[in-house]
Amino acid sequence: MSTFDWHSEALTRETPLNASYKMTQNVRRFMIGECGDDFAFDRAFMAWMKSGVPQTLGDLVDEWRKRHNR
């Protein structure tokens, strides 16, 4: 079984967050594309990410938009 390459794989809202998750430039580009140029990882958002609640990149997008009224 191959591991997911967070640096180069195509990302979608359905991409699962799993034990191999890495915060990469690829993830940042995806999040900016989904959330806009104002997107940034902040401490509270990153703590939520590590809480185990989000299951997919779509969950990350939805939560960031909720927190920033978008």
N, C-alpha and C. Protein backbone atom coordinates (compact mmCIF):
# COMPACT_ATOMS: atom_id res chain seq x y z
N MET A 1 0.84 -1.18 0.00
CA MET A 1 0.00 0.00 0.00
C MET A 1 0.89 1.25 0.00
N SER A 2 0.66 2.14 -0.93
CA SER A 2 1.48 3.35 -0.99
C SER A 2 0.94 4.40 -0.03
N THR A 3 1.82 5.27 0.41
CA THR A 3 1.41 6.34 1.30
C THR A 3 1.02 7.56 0.48
N PHE A 4 0.14 8.34 1.01
CA PHE A 4 -0.34 9.55 0.35
C PHE A 4 0.76 10.60 0.41
N ASP A 5 1.07 11.22 -0.71
CA ASP A 5 2.09 12.26 -0.77
C ASP A 5 1.42 13.63 -0.68
N TRP A 6 1.44 14.21 0.50
CA TRP A 6 0.80 15.50 0.73
C TRP A 6 1.48 16.63 -0.03
N HIS A 7 2.67 16.39 -0.52
CA HIS A 7 3.40 17.41 -1.28
C HIS A 7 2.94 17.51 -2.73
N SER A 8 2.47 16.40 -3.31
CA SER A 8 2.21 16.44 -4.75
C SER A 8 0.88 15.84 -5.20
N GLU A 9 0.17 15.14 -4.34
CA GLU A 9 -1.11 14.54 -4.74
C GLU A 9 -2.15 15.63 -5.03
N ALA A 10 -3.07 15.31 -5.91
CA ALA A 10 -4.21 16.21 -6.14
C ALA A 10 -5.11 16.17 -4.91
N LEU A 11 -5.47 17.33 -4.41
CA LEU A 11 -6.30 17.42 -3.21
C LEU A 11 -7.71 17.84 -3.58
N THR A 12 -8.68 17.27 -2.87
CA THR A 12 -10.09 17.63 -3.05
C THR A 12 -10.71 17.79 -1.67
N ARG A 13 -11.93 18.26 -1.64
CA ARG A 13 -12.65 18.36 -0.37
C ARG A 13 -12.84 16.99 0.27
N GLU A 14 -12.81 15.94 -0.53
CA GLU A 14 -13.02 14.59 -0.01
C GLU A 14 -11.73 13.92 0.47
N THR A 15 -10.59 14.57 0.28
CA THR A 15 -9.32 13.98 0.71
C THR A 15 -9.36 13.76 2.22
N PRO A 16 -9.17 12.52 2.66
CA PRO A 16 -9.24 12.25 4.10
C PRO A 16 -8.00 12.72 4.84
N LEU A 17 -8.23 13.21 6.06
CA LEU A 17 -7.11 13.53 6.94
C LEU A 17 -6.80 12.25 7.70
N ASN A 18 -5.59 11.80 7.57
CA ASN A 18 -5.22 10.55 8.22
C ASN A 18 -3.91 10.73 8.97
N ALA A 19 -3.37 9.65 9.46
CA ALA A 19 -2.14 9.72 10.26
C ALA A 19 -0.96 10.27 9.47
N SER A 20 -1.01 10.19 8.15
CA SER A 20 0.10 10.69 7.34
C SER A 20 -0.04 12.17 6.98
N TYR A 21 -1.10 12.85 7.48
CA TYR A 21 -1.34 14.26 7.13
C TYR A 21 -0.10 15.10 7.41
N LYS A 22 0.23 15.94 6.45
CA LYS A 22 1.32 16.91 6.59
C LYS A 22 0.82 18.27 6.11
N MET A 23 1.15 19.31 6.86
CA MET A 23 0.82 20.66 6.43
C MET A 23 1.90 21.07 5.43
N THR A 24 1.55 21.05 4.15
CA THR A 24 2.50 21.34 3.08
C THR A 24 2.05 22.55 2.28
N GLN A 25 2.90 23.01 1.40
CA GLN A 25 2.51 24.09 0.49
C GLN A 25 1.34 23.65 -0.39
N ASN A 26 1.28 22.38 -0.72
CA ASN A 26 0.17 21.85 -1.50
C ASN A 26 -1.15 22.03 -0.74
N VAL A 27 -1.15 21.74 0.55
CA VAL A 27 -2.35 21.93 1.38
C VAL A 27 -2.68 23.41 1.46
N ARG A 28 -1.67 24.24 1.69
CA ARG A 28 -1.90 25.69 1.78
C ARG A 28 -2.51 26.22 0.47
N ARG A 29 -1.98 25.78 -0.68
CA ARG A 29 -2.55 26.22 -1.97
C ARG A 29 -4.01 25.78 -2.09
N PHE A 30 -4.30 24.54 -1.69
CA PHE A 30 -5.68 24.05 -1.74
C PHE A 30 -6.58 24.93 -0.86
N MET A 31 -6.15 25.19 0.37
CA MET A 31 -6.97 25.97 1.30
C MET A 31 -7.17 27.40 0.80
N ILE A 32 -6.15 28.02 0.23
CA ILE A 32 -6.30 29.36 -0.33
C ILE A 32 -7.28 29.33 -1.50
N GLY A 33 -7.19 28.29 -2.32
CA GLY A 33 -8.12 28.15 -3.44
C GLY A 33 -9.56 28.02 -2.99
N GLU A 34 -9.78 27.35 -1.87
CA GLU A 34 -11.13 27.13 -1.35
C GLU A 34 -11.63 28.28 -0.47
N CYS A 35 -10.71 28.91 0.26
CA CYS A 35 -11.10 29.90 1.27
C CYS A 35 -10.77 31.34 0.88
N GLY A 36 -9.92 31.52 -0.11
CA GLY A 36 -9.54 32.87 -0.52
C GLY A 36 -8.16 33.25 -0.02
N ASP A 37 -7.70 34.37 -0.52
CA ASP A 37 -6.34 34.84 -0.23
C ASP A 37 -6.12 35.18 1.24
N ASP A 38 -7.19 35.38 2.01
CA ASP A 38 -7.05 35.71 3.42
C ASP A 38 -6.80 34.47 4.29
N PHE A 39 -6.84 33.29 3.67
CA PHE A 39 -6.66 32.08 4.47
C PHE A 39 -5.30 32.09 5.16
N ALA A 40 -5.30 31.67 6.42
CA ALA A 40 -4.07 31.46 7.18
C ALA A 40 -4.36 30.44 8.27
N PHE A 41 -3.37 29.63 8.57
CA PHE A 41 -3.46 28.73 9.72
C PHE A 41 -3.17 29.57 10.96
N ASP A 42 -4.06 29.54 11.95
CA ASP A 42 -3.75 30.20 13.22
C ASP A 42 -3.78 29.14 14.33
N ARG A 43 -3.34 29.50 15.50
CA ARG A 43 -3.21 28.52 16.59
C ARG A 43 -4.53 27.84 16.92
N ALA A 44 -5.59 28.61 17.03
CA ALA A 44 -6.89 28.03 17.40
C ALA A 44 -7.37 27.05 16.33
N PHE A 45 -7.20 27.42 15.08
CA PHE A 45 -7.62 26.55 13.98
C PHE A 45 -6.77 25.28 13.96
N MET A 46 -5.48 25.42 14.16
CA MET A 46 -4.61 24.25 14.15
C MET A 46 -4.91 23.33 15.33
N ALA A 47 -5.25 23.91 16.49
CA ALA A 47 -5.63 23.08 17.64
C ALA A 47 -6.90 22.30 17.31
N TRP A 48 -7.85 22.96 16.66
CA TRP A 48 -9.08 22.27 16.26
C TRP A 48 -8.75 21.14 15.29
N MET A 49 -7.85 21.40 14.34
CA MET A 49 -7.46 20.37 13.37
C MET A 49 -6.92 19.14 14.09
N LYS A 50 -6.13 19.34 15.12
CA LYS A 50 -5.50 18.24 15.84
C LYS A 50 -6.46 17.55 16.82
N SER A 51 -7.66 18.11 16.99
CA SER A 51 -8.61 17.57 17.96
C SER A 51 -9.22 16.25 17.53
N GLY A 52 -9.07 15.91 16.25
CA GLY A 52 -9.67 14.67 15.75
C GLY A 52 -11.06 14.86 15.19
N VAL A 53 -11.61 16.06 15.26
CA VAL A 53 -12.95 16.32 14.72
C VAL A 53 -12.97 16.28 13.20
N PRO A 54 -12.06 17.02 12.52
CA PRO A 54 -12.14 17.02 11.06
C PRO A 54 -11.74 15.68 10.48
N GLN A 55 -12.47 15.26 9.45
CA GLN A 55 -12.19 13.99 8.79
C GLN A 55 -11.65 14.16 7.38
N THR A 56 -11.96 15.29 6.74
CA THR A 56 -11.55 15.54 5.36
C THR A 56 -11.07 16.98 5.21
N LEU A 57 -10.44 17.27 4.07
CA LEU A 57 -10.06 18.65 3.80
C LEU A 57 -11.29 19.53 3.68
N GLY A 58 -12.40 18.98 3.23
CA GLY A 58 -13.65 19.74 3.17
C GLY A 58 -14.09 20.20 4.55
N ASP A 59 -13.88 19.37 5.57
CA ASP A 59 -14.19 19.77 6.95
C ASP A 59 -13.34 20.96 7.36
N LEU A 60 -12.07 20.96 6.95
CA LEU A 60 -11.20 22.10 7.26
C LEU A 60 -11.71 23.38 6.61
N VAL A 61 -12.07 23.27 5.34
CA VAL A 61 -12.58 24.42 4.60
C VAL A 61 -13.84 24.96 5.27
N ASP A 62 -14.78 24.07 5.58
CA ASP A 62 -16.05 24.49 6.18
C ASP A 62 -15.83 25.18 7.52
N GLU A 63 -14.95 24.62 8.34
CA GLU A 63 -14.69 25.22 9.66
C GLU A 63 -14.01 26.58 9.52
N TRP A 64 -13.05 26.70 8.62
CA TRP A 64 -12.37 27.98 8.45
C TRP A 64 -13.38 29.03 7.98
N ARG A 65 -14.22 28.67 7.02
CA ARG A 65 -15.23 29.61 6.53
C ARG A 65 -16.19 30.01 7.65
N LYS A 66 -16.58 29.05 8.48
CA LYS A 66 -17.48 29.34 9.60
C LYS A 66 -16.83 30.32 10.56
N ARG A 67 -15.57 30.09 10.87
CA ARG A 67 -14.85 30.96 11.81
C ARG A 67 -14.64 32.37 11.25
N HIS A 68 -14.62 32.49 9.94
CA HIS A 68 -14.34 33.78 9.30
C HIS A 68 -15.56 34.34 8.54
N ASN A 69 -16.72 33.80 8.88
CA ASN A 69 -17.99 34.29 8.29
C ASN A 69 -17.96 34.37 6.78
N ARG A 70 -17.58 33.26 6.16
CA ARG A 70 -17.50 33.23 4.69
C ARG A 70 -18.40 32.17 4.15
